[in-house]
C-alpha atoms as a PDB file:
ATOM      1  CA  MET A   1     108.556  97.392 101.425  1.00  0.00           C
ATOM      2  CA  ARG A   2     106.438  98.537 104.335  1.00  0.00           C
ATOM      3  CA  LEU A   3     103.186 101.048 104.473  1.00  0.00           C
ATOM      4  CA  ALA A   4     101.352 102.724 107.381  1.00  0.00           C
ATOM      5  CA  THR A   5      98.764 105.430 107.608  1.00  0.00           C
ATOM      6  CA  ARG A   6      98.496 107.804 110.269  1.00  0.00           C
ATOM      7  CA  THR A   7      95.713 110.099 111.370  1.00  0.00           C
ATOM      8  CA  ALA A   8      94.944 113.079 109.318  1.00  0.00           C
ATOM      9  CA  ALA A   9      92.683 115.777 108.660  1.00  0.00           C
ATOM     10  CA  SER A  10      91.545 113.693 105.356  1.00  0.00           C
ATOM     11  CA  ALA A  11      89.421 110.186 106.455  1.00  0.00           C
ATOM     12  CA  ASP A  12      92.193 108.502 104.052  1.00  0.00           C
ATOM     13  CA  GLY A  13      94.952 109.324 106.521  1.00  0.00           C
ATOM     14  CA  GLU A  14      98.387 110.118 105.767  1.00  0.00           C
ATOM     15  CA  LEU A  15     100.436 107.511 103.671  1.00  0.00           C
ATOM     16  CA  VAL A  16     103.928 106.861 105.241  1.00  0.00           C
ATOM     17  CA  VAL A  17     106.810 104.404 104.604  1.00  0.00           C
ATOM     18  CA  VAL A  18     108.023 102.359 108.107  1.00  0.00           C
ATOM     19  CA  SER A  19     111.269 101.171 108.719  1.00  0.00           C
ATOM     20  CA  ALA A  20     111.526  97.324 109.522  1.00  0.00           C
ATOM     21  CA  ASP A  21     111.917  98.159 112.990  1.00  0.00           C
ATOM     22  CA  GLY A  22     108.488  99.550 113.094  1.00  0.00           C
ATOM     23  CA  GLY A  23     109.381 102.738 115.008  1.00  0.00           C
ATOM     24  CA  ARG A  24     110.240 105.150 112.186  1.00  0.00           C
ATOM     25  CA  CYS A  25     108.443 106.674 109.019  1.00  0.00           C
ATOM     26  CA  LEU A  26     108.474 108.814 106.508  1.00  0.00           C
ATOM     27  CA  PRO A  27     106.019 110.767 104.925  1.00  0.00           C
ATOM     28  CA  ALA A  28     104.902 109.580 101.241  1.00  0.00           C
ATOM     29  CA  GLY A  29     104.536 113.591 100.324  1.00  0.00           C
ATOM     30  CA  PRO A  30     101.630 115.706  98.667  1.00  0.00           C
ATOM     31  CA  ARG A  31     101.443 113.726  95.481  1.00  0.00           C
ATOM     32  CA  TRP A  32     100.901 110.445  97.440  1.00  0.00           C
ATOM     33  CA  PRO A  33      98.477 111.808 100.274  1.00  0.00           C
ATOM     34  CA  ASN A  34      97.061 108.443 101.236  1.00  0.00           C
ATOM     35  CA  LEU A  35      97.206 104.644 100.283  1.00  0.00           C
ATOM     36  CA  LEU A  36      94.556 104.829  97.635  1.00  0.00           C
ATOM     37  CA  ALA A  37      96.086 107.700  95.886  1.00  0.00           C
ATOM     38  CA  ALA A  38      98.905 105.582  95.727  1.00  0.00           C
ATOM     39  CA  LEU A  39      97.472 102.658  94.300  1.00  0.00           C
ATOM     40  CA  SER A  40      95.792 104.546  91.800  1.00  0.00           C
ATOM     41  CA  GLN A  41      99.243 104.728  90.280  1.00  0.00           C
ATOM     42  CA  TRP A  42     101.027 102.120  91.789  1.00  0.00           C
ATOM     43  CA  GLU A  43     103.966 102.237  88.767  1.00  0.00           C
ATOM     44  CA  VAL A  44     104.596 105.279  89.205  1.00  0.00           C
ATOM     45  CA  ALA A  45     104.243 106.050  92.830  1.00  0.00           C
ATOM     46  CA  GLU A  46     106.111 102.541  93.564  1.00  0.00           C
ATOM     47  CA  PRO A  47     109.328 103.624  93.227  1.00  0.00           C
ATOM     48  CA  HIS A  48     109.455 106.880  94.762  1.00  0.00           C
ATOM     49  CA  LEU A  49     108.117 105.034  97.904  1.00  0.00           C
ATOM     50  CA  ARG A  50     111.085 102.736  97.472  1.00  0.00           C
ATOM     51  CA  ARG A  51     113.633 105.178  97.729  1.00  0.00           C
ATOM     52  CA  LEU A  52     111.778 106.342 100.832  1.00  0.00           C
ATOM     53  CA  ALA A  53     112.220 103.111 102.121  1.00  0.00           C
ATOM     54  CA  ALA A  54     116.177 103.012 101.327  1.00  0.00           C
ATOM     55  CA  ASP A  55     116.274 106.244 103.422  1.00  0.00           C
ATOM     56  CA  LEU A  56     114.936 104.898 106.128  1.00  0.00           C
ATOM     57  CA  ALA A  57     117.372 102.081 106.161  1.00  0.00           C
ATOM     58  CA  ALA A  58     120.070 104.268 105.800  1.00  0.00           C
ATOM     59  CA  GLY A  59     118.916 105.717 109.226  1.00  0.00           C
ATOM     60  CA  LYS A  60     116.644 108.622 108.195  1.00  0.00           C
ATOM     61  CA  GLY A  61     112.996 109.069 109.402  1.00  0.00           C
ATOM     62  CA  GLU A  62     110.847 110.543 111.906  1.00  0.00           C
ATOM     63  CA  ALA A  63     109.407 108.187 115.028  1.00  0.00           C
ATOM     64  CA  LEU A  64     106.278 106.854 114.165  1.00  0.00           C
ATOM     65  CA  GLU A  65     103.747 106.613 116.970  1.00  0.00           C
ATOM     66  CA  VAL A  66     102.008 103.544 117.525  1.00  0.00           C
ATOM     67  CA  GLY A  67      98.549 105.630 118.865  1.00  0.00           C
ATOM     68  CA  ASP A  68      98.681 107.366 115.459  1.00  0.00           C
ATOM     69  CA  VAL A  69      98.473 104.496 113.304  1.00  0.00           C
ATOM     70  CA  LEU A  70      95.127 103.774 111.387  1.00  0.00           C
ATOM     71  CA  ALA A  71      93.966 100.972 109.334  1.00  0.00           C
ATOM     72  CA  PRO A  72      96.616 100.845 106.404  1.00  0.00           C
ATOM     73  CA  LEU A  73      93.068 101.584 104.096  1.00  0.00           C
ATOM     74  CA  PRO A  74      91.230 103.156 106.904  1.00  0.00           C
ATOM     75  CA  ARG A  75      88.691 102.969 103.997  1.00  0.00           C
ATOM     76  CA  THR A  76      88.354 101.705 100.469  1.00  0.00           C
ATOM     77  CA  TRP A  77      85.992 100.876  97.075  1.00  0.00           C
ATOM     78  CA  GLN A  78      85.567  97.161  97.669  1.00  0.00           C
ATOM     79  CA  TRP A  79      86.203  94.435 100.067  1.00  0.00           C
ATOM     80  CA  LEU A  80      85.539  91.043  99.115  1.00  0.00           C
ATOM     81  CA  ASP A  81      86.296  88.075 101.223  1.00  0.00           C
ATOM     82  CA  GLY A  82      86.878  84.782 100.131  1.00  0.00           C
ATOM     83  CA  SER A  83      86.712  81.295 101.976  1.00  0.00           C
ATOM     84  CA  ALA A  84      89.594  79.421 100.803  1.00  0.00           C
ATOM     85  CA  PHE A  85      90.363  77.158 103.456  1.00  0.00           C
ATOM     86  CA  PRO A  86      88.008  73.891 103.007  1.00  0.00           C
ATOM     87  CA  VAL A  87      88.926  72.518 106.414  1.00  0.00           C
ATOM     88  CA  HIS A  88      87.078  76.034 107.949  1.00  0.00           C
ATOM     89  CA  ALA A  89      84.141  75.439 105.603  1.00  0.00           C
ATOM     90  CA  ASP A  90      83.743  72.021 106.927  1.00  0.00           C
ATOM     91  CA  LEU A  91      83.709  72.981 110.501  1.00  0.00           C
ATOM     92  CA  MET A  92      81.449  76.113 109.794  1.00  0.00           C
ATOM     93  CA  ARG A  93      78.706  73.596 108.528  1.00  0.00           C
ATOM     94  CA  ILE A  94      79.100  71.166 111.362  1.00  0.00           C
ATOM     95  CA  ALA A  95      78.639  74.705 113.736  1.00  0.00           C
ATOM     96  CA  PHE A  96      75.531  75.792 111.621  1.00  0.00           C
ATOM     97  CA  ASN A  97      74.176  72.189 111.156  1.00  0.00           C
ATOM     98  CA  ALA A  98      74.500  73.459 106.864  1.00  0.00           C
ATOM     99  CA  ASP A  99      74.349  71.451 103.690  1.00  0.00           C
ATOM    100  CA  PRO A 100      77.888  71.415 102.086  1.00  0.00           C
ATOM    101  CA  ILE A 101      78.041  73.944  98.922  1.00  0.00           C
ATOM    102  CA  ALA A 102      78.009  72.300  95.932  1.00  0.00           C
ATOM    103  CA  THR A 103      80.630  74.026  93.358  1.00  0.00           C
ATOM    104  CA  ASP A 104      84.113  74.163  92.497  1.00  0.00           C
ATOM    105  CA  LYS A 105      84.454  77.939  92.425  1.00  0.00           C
ATOM    106  CA  PRO A 106      86.010  79.886  95.320  1.00  0.00           C
ATOM    107  CA  LEU A 107      83.102  81.254  97.678  1.00  0.00           C
ATOM    108  CA  MET A 108      83.522  84.571  98.157  1.00  0.00           C
ATOM    109  CA  TYR A 109      81.020  87.455  98.933  1.00  0.00           C
ATOM    110  CA  GLN A 110      81.217  91.392  99.108  1.00  0.00           C
ATOM    111  CA  GLY A 111      81.485  92.891 102.457  1.00  0.00           C
ATOM    112  CA  LEU A 112      81.579  96.386 104.448  1.00  0.00           C
ATOM    113  CA  SER A 113      84.527  98.716 103.056  1.00  0.00           C
ATOM    114  CA  ASP A 114      83.673 102.097 103.811  1.00  0.00           C
ATOM    115  CA  CYS A 115      85.149 101.608 107.551  1.00  0.00           C
ATOM    116  CA  PHE A 116      88.499  99.383 108.335  1.00  0.00           C
ATOM    117  CA  TYR A 117      88.471  99.580 112.023  1.00  0.00           C
ATOM    118  CA  SER A 118      92.395 100.619 113.405  1.00  0.00           C
ATOM    119  CA  PRO A 119      94.333  97.967 114.840  1.00  0.00           C
ATOM    120  CA  THR A 120      94.312  99.351 118.513  1.00  0.00           C
ATOM    121  CA  ALA A 121      90.578 100.904 118.478  1.00  0.00           C
ATOM    122  CA  SER A 122      88.312  99.549 120.744  1.00  0.00           C
ATOM    123  CA  VAL A 123      85.309  97.468 118.833  1.00  0.00           C
ATOM    124  CA  PRO A 124      81.839  98.713 119.292  1.00  0.00           C
ATOM    125  CA  PHE A 125      78.650  95.941 118.973  1.00  0.00           C
ATOM    126  CA  ARG A 126      75.199  96.225 120.063  1.00  0.00           C
ATOM    127  CA  SER A 127      74.780  93.465 122.199  1.00  0.00           C
ATOM    128  CA  THR A 128      76.571  89.953 123.260  1.00  0.00           C
ATOM    129  CA  ALA A 129      73.385  88.348 121.921  1.00  0.00           C
ATOM    130  CA  ASP A 130      74.519  88.848 118.222  1.00  0.00           C
ATOM    131  CA  GLY A 131      77.251  86.561 118.988  1.00  0.00           C
ATOM    132  CA  ILE A 132      80.420  88.420 118.696  1.00  0.00           C
ATOM    133  CA  ASP A 133      83.457  86.465 117.022  1.00  0.00           C
ATOM    134  CA  PHE A 134      86.459  87.403 115.611  1.00  0.00           C
ATOM    135  CA  GLU A 135      87.866  85.581 112.284  1.00  0.00           C
ATOM    136  CA  GLY A 136      91.321  86.045 111.705  1.00  0.00           C
ATOM    137  CA  GLU A 137      92.961  86.153 108.049  1.00  0.00           C
ATOM    138  CA  TYR A 138      95.258  87.225 105.197  1.00  0.00           C
ATOM    139  CA  ALA A 139      94.490  89.392 102.754  1.00  0.00           C
ATOM    140  CA  VAL A 140      95.518  91.559  99.545  1.00  0.00           C
ATOM    141  CA  ILE A 141      95.216  94.874  97.972  1.00  0.00           C
ATOM    142  CA  VAL A 142      95.159  95.264  94.500  1.00  0.00           C
ATOM    143  CA  ASP A 143      95.740  97.653  92.191  1.00  0.00           C
ATOM    144  CA  ARG A 144      93.501  98.266  89.078  1.00  0.00           C
ATOM    145  CA  VAL A 145      92.270  94.115  87.661  1.00  0.00           C
ATOM    146  CA  PRO A 146      90.754  94.221  84.285  1.00  0.00           C
ATOM    147  CA  MET A 147      87.686  92.028  83.813  1.00  0.00           C
ATOM    148  CA  GLY A 148      88.254  88.741  82.759  1.00  0.00           C
ATOM    149  CA  THR A 149      92.038  88.776  84.205  1.00  0.00           C
ATOM    150  CA  GLY A 150      93.067  85.132  84.398  1.00  0.00           C
ATOM    151  CA  ALA A 151      95.105  83.678  87.556  1.00  0.00           C
ATOM    152  CA  ALA A 152      98.634  83.954  86.302  1.00  0.00           C
ATOM    153  CA  ALA A 153      98.213  87.762  85.551  1.00  0.00           C
ATOM    154  CA  ALA A 154      96.208  88.578  88.497  1.00  0.00           C
ATOM    155  CA  MET A 155      99.674  87.267  90.502  1.00  0.00           C
ATOM    156  CA  SER A 156     101.248  90.669  88.874  1.00  0.00           C
ATOM    157  CA  HIS A 157      97.972  92.968  90.375  1.00  0.00           C
ATOM    158  CA  ILE A 158      98.465  92.101  94.010  1.00  0.00           C
ATOM    159  CA  ARG A 159     100.672  95.201  95.406  1.00  0.00           C
ATOM    160  CA  LEU A 160     100.191  94.888  99.128  1.00  0.00           C
ATOM    161  CA  VAL A 161      99.340  91.669 101.613  1.00  0.00           C
ATOM    162  CA  VAL A 162      97.958  92.944 104.766  1.00  0.00           C
ATOM    163  CA  GLN A 163      96.508  90.848 108.294  1.00  0.00           C
ATOM    164  CA  VAL A 164      92.625  91.526 108.811  1.00  0.00           C
ATOM    165  CA  ASN A 165      90.193  90.162 111.738  1.00  0.00           C
ATOM    166  CA  ASP A 166      87.346  89.828 109.950  1.00  0.00           C
ATOM    167  CA  TRP A 167      84.503  90.534 112.897  1.00  0.00           C
ATOM    168  CA  SER A 168      81.077  88.457 112.762  1.00  0.00           C
ATOM    169  CA  LEU A 169      77.870  88.250 114.544  1.00  0.00           C
ATOM    170  CA  ARG A 170      77.530  84.361 114.480  1.00  0.00           C
ATOM    171  CA  MET A 171      73.651  84.438 116.086  1.00  0.00           C
ATOM    172  CA  LEU A 172      72.706  86.551 113.001  1.00  0.00           C
ATOM    173  CA  ALA A 173      74.594  84.661 110.226  1.00  0.00           C
ATOM    174  CA  LEU A 174      71.841  81.625 109.550  1.00  0.00           C
ATOM    175  CA  ASP A 175      69.326  83.137 109.015  1.00  0.00           C
ATOM    176  CA  GLU A 176      71.100  85.256 106.438  1.00  0.00           C
ATOM    177  CA  MET A 177      72.878  82.658 104.925  1.00  0.00           C
ATOM    178  CA  LYS A 178      69.127  81.437 104.215  1.00  0.00           C
ATOM    179  CA  THR A 179      67.691  84.249 102.364  1.00  0.00           C
ATOM    180  CA  GLY A 180      70.328  83.631  99.717  1.00  0.00           C
ATOM    181  CA  PHE A 181      71.233  87.381  99.249  1.00  0.00           C
ATOM    182  CA  GLY A 182      74.607  87.267 101.539  1.00  0.00           C
ATOM    183  CA  TRP A 183      75.207  89.119 104.870  1.00  0.00           C
ATOM    184  CA  ILE A 184      74.353  92.667 105.602  1.00  0.00           C
ATOM    185  CA  GLN A 185      74.017  92.533 109.467  1.00  0.00           C
ATOM    186  CA  ALA A 186      76.236  89.326 110.494  1.00  0.00           C
ATOM    187  CA  LYS A 187      79.341  91.041 108.942  1.00  0.00           C
ATOM    188  CA  PRO A 188      80.342  94.337 110.680  1.00  0.00           C
ATOM    189  CA  ALA A 189      83.398  96.238 110.060  1.00  0.00           C
ATOM    190  CA  CYS A 190      87.344  94.619 109.628  1.00  0.00           C
ATOM    191  CA  SER A 191      90.135  95.339 111.237  1.00  0.00           C
ATOM    192  CA  MET A 192      93.289  95.468 109.992  1.00  0.00           C
ATOM    193  CA  ALA A 193      96.889  95.100 111.536  1.00  0.00           C
ATOM    194  CA  PRO A 194      99.045  98.453 111.269  1.00  0.00           C
ATOM    195  CA  PHE A 195     101.116  97.534 108.024  1.00  0.00           C
ATOM    196  CA  ALA A 196     100.587  97.075 104.745  1.00  0.00           C
ATOM    197  CA  VAL A 197     103.864  95.182 103.234  1.00  0.00           C
ATOM    198  CA  THR A 198     104.932  94.265  99.497  1.00  0.00           C
ATOM    199  CA  PRO A 199     104.770  90.712  99.015  1.00  0.00           C
ATOM    200  CA  GLU A 200     108.354  90.117  98.497  1.00  0.00           C
ATOM    201  CA  ASP A 201     108.629  91.519 101.814  1.00  0.00           C
ATOM    202  CA  LEU A 202     107.406  88.160 103.026  1.00  0.00           C
ATOM    203  CA  LYS A 203     110.554  86.480 101.141  1.00  0.00           C
ATOM    204  CA  GLU A 204     110.058  82.610 101.006  1.00  0.00           C
ATOM    205  CA  ASP A 205     106.644  82.708 103.030  1.00  0.00           C
ATOM    206  CA  TRP A 206     104.783  84.123 100.141  1.00  0.00           C
ATOM    207  CA  ARG A 207     104.513  80.970  97.811  1.00  0.00           C
ATOM    208  CA  ASP A 208     101.931  80.244  95.222  1.00  0.00           C
ATOM    209  CA  GLY A 209     100.034  83.232  96.287  1.00  0.00           C
ATOM    210  CA  ARG A 210      99.481  82.372  99.304  1.00  0.00           C
ATOM    211  CA  VAL A 211     101.126  83.801 102.930  1.00  0.00           C
ATOM    212  CA  CYS A 212     102.620  80.919 104.678  1.00  0.00           C
ATOM    213  CA  LEU A 213     102.867  82.335 107.985  1.00  0.00           C
ATOM    214  CA  ASP A 214     101.697  81.084 111.205  1.00  0.00           C
ATOM    215  CA  LEU A 215      98.961  83.683 112.606  1.00  0.00           C
ATOM    216  CA  ALA A 216      99.353  83.826 116.477  1.00  0.00           C
ATOM    217  CA  ILE A 217      95.859  84.642 118.085  1.00  0.00           C
ATOM    218  CA  ASP A 218      95.907  85.126 121.675  1.00  0.00           C
ATOM    219  CA  TYR A 219      92.174  85.472 123.604  1.00  0.00           C
ATOM    220  CA  ASN A 220      91.661  87.001 126.462  1.00  0.00           C
ATOM    221  CA  GLY A 221      95.815  86.460 127.239  1.00  0.00           C
ATOM    222  CA  GLN A 222      95.855  82.422 126.315  1.00  0.00           C
ATOM    223  CA  ARG A 223      96.553  81.409 122.981  1.00  0.00           C
ATOM    224  CA  PHE A 224      93.771  80.315 121.347  1.00  0.00           C
ATOM    225  CA  GLY A 225      94.938  79.429 117.740  1.00  0.00           C
ATOM    226  CA  ASN A 226      98.535  79.442 115.323  1.00  0.00           C
ATOM    227  CA  ALA A 227      96.830  78.219 112.352  1.00  0.00           C
ATOM    228  CA  ASN A 228      99.261  78.823 109.249  1.00  0.00           C
ATOM    229  CA  GLY A 229      98.112  80.356 105.818  1.00  0.00           C
ATOM    230  CA  ARG A 230      99.406  77.684 103.489  1.00  0.00           C
ATOM    231  CA  GLU A 231      96.340  75.284 103.112  1.00  0.00           C
ATOM    232  CA  MET A 232      94.569  77.459 101.031  1.00  0.00           C
ATOM    233  CA  ALA A 233      92.232  75.553  98.179  1.00  0.00           C
ATOM    234  CA  PHE A 234      92.510  78.601  96.010  1.00  0.00           C
ATOM    235  CA  GLY A 235      95.467  81.132  96.030  1.00  0.00           C
ATOM    236  CA  PHE A 236      94.803  84.604  96.110  1.00  0.00           C
ATOM    237  CA  HIS A 237      95.971  85.075  92.736  1.00  0.00           C
ATOM    238  CA  GLU A 238      93.132  82.239  92.035  1.00  0.00           C
ATOM    239  CA  LEU A 239      90.930  84.659  94.164  1.00  0.00           C
ATOM    240  CA  VAL A 240      91.289  87.975  92.382  1.00  0.00           C
ATOM    241  CA  ALA A 241      90.851  86.151  89.126  1.00  0.00           C
ATOM    242  CA  HIS A 242      87.368  84.467  90.496  1.00  0.00           C
ATOM    243  CA  ALA A 243      86.445  88.536  91.588  1.00  0.00           C
ATOM    244  CA  ALA A 244      87.544  90.026  88.257  1.00  0.00           C
ATOM    245  CA  ALA A 245      85.684  87.702  86.334  1.00  0.00           C
ATOM    246  CA  THR A 246      82.846  89.920  85.448  1.00  0.00           C
ATOM    247  CA  ARG A 247      83.540  92.891  86.747  1.00  0.00           C
ATOM    248  CA  THR A 248      86.811  95.389  86.618  1.00  0.00           C
ATOM    249  CA  LEU A 249      88.343  95.444  90.075  1.00  0.00           C
ATOM    250  CA  VAL A 250      89.122  99.098  91.021  1.00  0.00           C
ATOM    251  CA  ALA A 251      92.600  99.984  91.998  1.00  0.00           C
ATOM    252  CA  GLY A 252      92.628  99.693  96.211  1.00  0.00           C
ATOM    253  CA  SER A 253      90.448  96.616  96.215  1.00  0.00           C
ATOM    254  CA  VAL A 254      90.627  94.155  99.128  1.00  0.00           C
ATOM    255  CA  ILE A 255      90.654  90.909  98.710  1.00  0.00           C
ATOM    256  CA  GLY A 256      90.473  88.283 101.951  1.00  0.00           C
ATOM    257  CA  SER A 257      91.230  84.979 102.415  1.00  0.00           C
ATOM    258  CA  GLY A 258      88.456  83.748 104.660  1.00  0.00           C
ATOM    259  CA  THR A 259      89.250  82.272 108.325  1.00  0.00           C
ATOM    260  CA  ILE A 260      92.996  80.648 108.526  1.00  0.00           C
ATOM    261  CA  ALA A 261      91.956  76.901 109.570  1.00  0.00           C
ATOM    262  CA  ASN A 262      94.356  73.714 109.097  1.00  0.00           C
ATOM    263  CA  ARG A 263      93.638  70.103 109.297  1.00  0.00           C
ATOM    264  CA  ASP A 264      95.961  69.732 112.011  1.00  0.00           C
ATOM    265  CA  TYR A 265      93.423  71.701 113.848  1.00  0.00           C
ATOM    266  CA  ALA A 266      93.459  69.672 117.096  1.00  0.00           C
ATOM    267  CA  ARG A 267      97.092  70.959 117.666  1.00  0.00           C
ATOM    268  CA  VAL A 268      97.053  74.184 116.173  1.00  0.00           C
ATOM    269  CA  GLY A 269      94.058  75.588 117.235  1.00  0.00           C
ATOM    270  CA  SER A 270      91.355  77.787 115.423  1.00  0.00           C
ATOM    271  CA  SER A 271      91.239  81.444 114.444  1.00  0.00           C
ATOM    272  CA  CYS A 272      87.891  82.057 115.373  1.00  0.00           C
ATOM    273  CA  ILE A 273      85.386  80.957 117.985  1.00  0.00           C
ATOM    274  CA  SER A 274      82.481  79.386 116.187  1.00  0.00           C
ATOM    275  CA  GLU A 275      85.322  76.321 115.489  1.00  0.00           C
ATOM    276  CA  ARG A 276      86.054  76.025 118.115  1.00  0.00           C
ATOM    277  CA  ARG A 277      82.704  75.312 119.213  1.00  0.00           C
ATOM    278  CA  ALA A 278      82.215  73.212 116.018  1.00  0.00           C
ATOM    279  CA  ILE A 279      85.404  70.666 117.350  1.00  0.00           C
ATOM    280  CA  GLU A 280      83.285  70.654 120.565  1.00  0.00           C
ATOM    281  CA  ILE A 281      80.439  69.382 118.658  1.00  0.00           C
ATOM    282  CA  ILE A 282      82.468  66.582 117.237  1.00  0.00           C
ATOM    283  CA  GLN A 283      84.253  65.849 120.355  1.00  0.00           C
ATOM    284  CA  ALA A 284      81.588  66.336 123.278  1.00  0.00           C
ATOM    285  CA  GLY A 285      78.473  66.582 121.187  1.00  0.00           C
ATOM    286  CA  LYS A 286      77.788  70.166 122.070  1.00  0.00           C
ATOM    287  CA  PRO A 287      79.696  73.582 122.552  1.00  0.00           C
ATOM    288  CA  SER A 288      81.000  74.947 125.375  1.00  0.00           C
ATOM    289  CA  THR A 289      83.164  77.886 124.328  1.00  0.00           C
ATOM    290  CA  GLY A 290      80.942  80.831 124.414  1.00  0.00           C
ATOM    291  CA  PHE A 291      80.797  83.832 122.059  1.00  0.00           C
ATOM    292  CA  MET A 292      82.785  87.127 122.854  1.00  0.00           C
ATOM    293  CA  ALA A 293      81.621  89.586 126.084  1.00  0.00           C
ATOM    294  CA  PHE A 294      82.439  93.289 126.320  1.00  0.00           C
ATOM    295  CA  GLY A 295      85.775  93.853 127.889  1.00  0.00           C
ATOM    296  CA  ASP A 296      87.141  90.446 126.044  1.00  0.00           C
ATOM    297  CA  ARG A 297      90.221  91.134 124.117  1.00  0.00           C
ATOM    298  CA  VAL A 298      92.053  89.687 120.972  1.00  0.00           C
ATOM    299  CA  ARG A 299      95.929  89.602 120.077  1.00  0.00           C
ATOM    300  CA  MET A 300      96.549  88.388 116.324  1.00  0.00           C
ATOM    301  CA  GLN A 301      99.920  88.446 115.039  1.00  0.00           C
ATOM    302  CA  ALA A 302     101.949  86.722 112.127  1.00  0.00           C
ATOM    303  CA  ARG A 303     105.689  86.110 112.732  1.00  0.00           C
ATOM    304  CA  MET A 304     108.259  84.876 110.506  1.00  0.00           C
ATOM    305  CA  ALA A 305     111.186  82.186 111.272  1.00  0.00           C
ATOM    306  CA  ASP A 306     113.571  85.437 112.396  1.00  0.00           C
ATOM    307  CA  GLY A 307     110.878  86.832 114.529  1.00  0.00           C
ATOM    308  CA  TYR A 308     110.128  89.753 112.586  1.00  0.00           C
ATOM    309  CA  ALA A 309     106.399  90.343 112.549  1.00  0.00           C
ATOM    310  CA  PRO A 310     105.814  92.001 109.041  1.00  0.00           C
ATOM    311  CA  PHE A 311     102.223  93.370 109.467  1.00  0.00           C
ATOM    312  CA  GLY A 312     102.929  94.010 112.945  1.00  0.00           C
ATOM    313  CA  ALA A 313      99.748  93.375 115.549  1.00  0.00           C
ATOM    314  CA  ILE A 314      96.128  93.837 116.154  1.00  0.00           C
ATOM    315  CA  ASP A 315      95.119  94.156 119.201  1.00  0.00           C
ATOM    316  CA  GLN A 316      91.556  95.186 120.640  1.00  0.00           C
ATOM    317  CA  ILE A 317      88.772  95.084 122.966  1.00  0.00           C
ATOM    318  CA  VAL A 318      85.196  94.416 122.757  1.00  0.00           C
ATOM    319  CA  VAL A 319      82.670  97.754 123.728  1.00  0.00           C
ATOM    320  CA  GLN A 320      79.532  98.093 124.208  1.00  0.00           C
ATOM    321  CA  ALA A 321      78.254 100.335 121.477  1.00  0.00           C
ATOM    322  CA  THR A 322      76.882 103.862 122.337  1.00  0.00           C
ATOM    323  CA  ARG A 323      74.678 106.015 119.581  1.00  0.00           C
END
C-alpha cells in the first residue's frame, strides 16, 4: 500500500492512498485527515486505507498532481537518524580525520523534525561556504513504541518505509561534533520522497529489517551512486529498539538508516559528496570533488527489479536562502 500527502489548508496536508502507477489517488477521508492522525490509530485506520487501495486497484480514483504532493510527513514529532552502514562511518572518519567511536551500540542522533521538504521543492541554504551535501538513505515510520521494546517486537511497530535526503552542512559538522552535544547548525531539514509504503509493498526487498534496494543518485545529471541498503550493521527493528530503550516513541516517529554505503564503493559509488571526498583522499591524498553550489541538482530514486519505484523520486535544486 502506497500513501502520500498532498497540499491542504493544514500544515500537515491531506492523506491520500495512491495507485501503483502513482497517477491516481483517493482521499483517506475526514477521520484520517493526515498521516499523523492515521498513525496514531493505525490498527483502526489501516483496514480503511487498504479498502481504498483495493478501490484504486479496481480503477477508481482521481488524478494525483505531482506539484500538489508534499513529503508524506511534512512535519512530525521526532526524527532519529542512525548511522548503520559501517563503510560510511569508516569513510567519514577519513574525510574528517576523526578517531573511531568505540561502541557496540547503534549510532544515532535526534534531528530536526518540524519540517520535511517536499520531493521537488527547491532547498534553501544560507551559504555554499557551509559545505552543502546530500545524503541518500532509507527510513521507517513507526506507530507508538513502548519504552523498552526489544528488537523482535519492534518489527511489528514499523508501519511505513520512506526514502530520505538527509541534507548536511559539512563545514559546520566537525566543530559541533567536538562539543559532544550533537548537531544543530550542521543538520538542516531533510527531504522525503513522495510515497510512503508498507513493508510488504517491497516484497523480497524487505529482509531482516533492511531495504535491500539500490538507491540511484544523479548529481547534475550524472550518476553519482547506486548503493544498496542491505549492508546495514543494524536492521531497522534494532534501530527502533535502540531508540525506544529509555523512551516511548510517539506514533509518527521517523528513524533513519544513515547514509547508504557499500563495501564495493569503487563500483557502486557513493550516496553523499563527503564519502566521495574520502575516497579521493585514499586514492590521491586529497579531495577533488567540491560540495554543492547554488543551482546544483540532485535526484534520488530506488527501483525494484521490475522497474517499480516504490517511493517515487526526490528531485531538487539547491538555492540561496532569502529572508
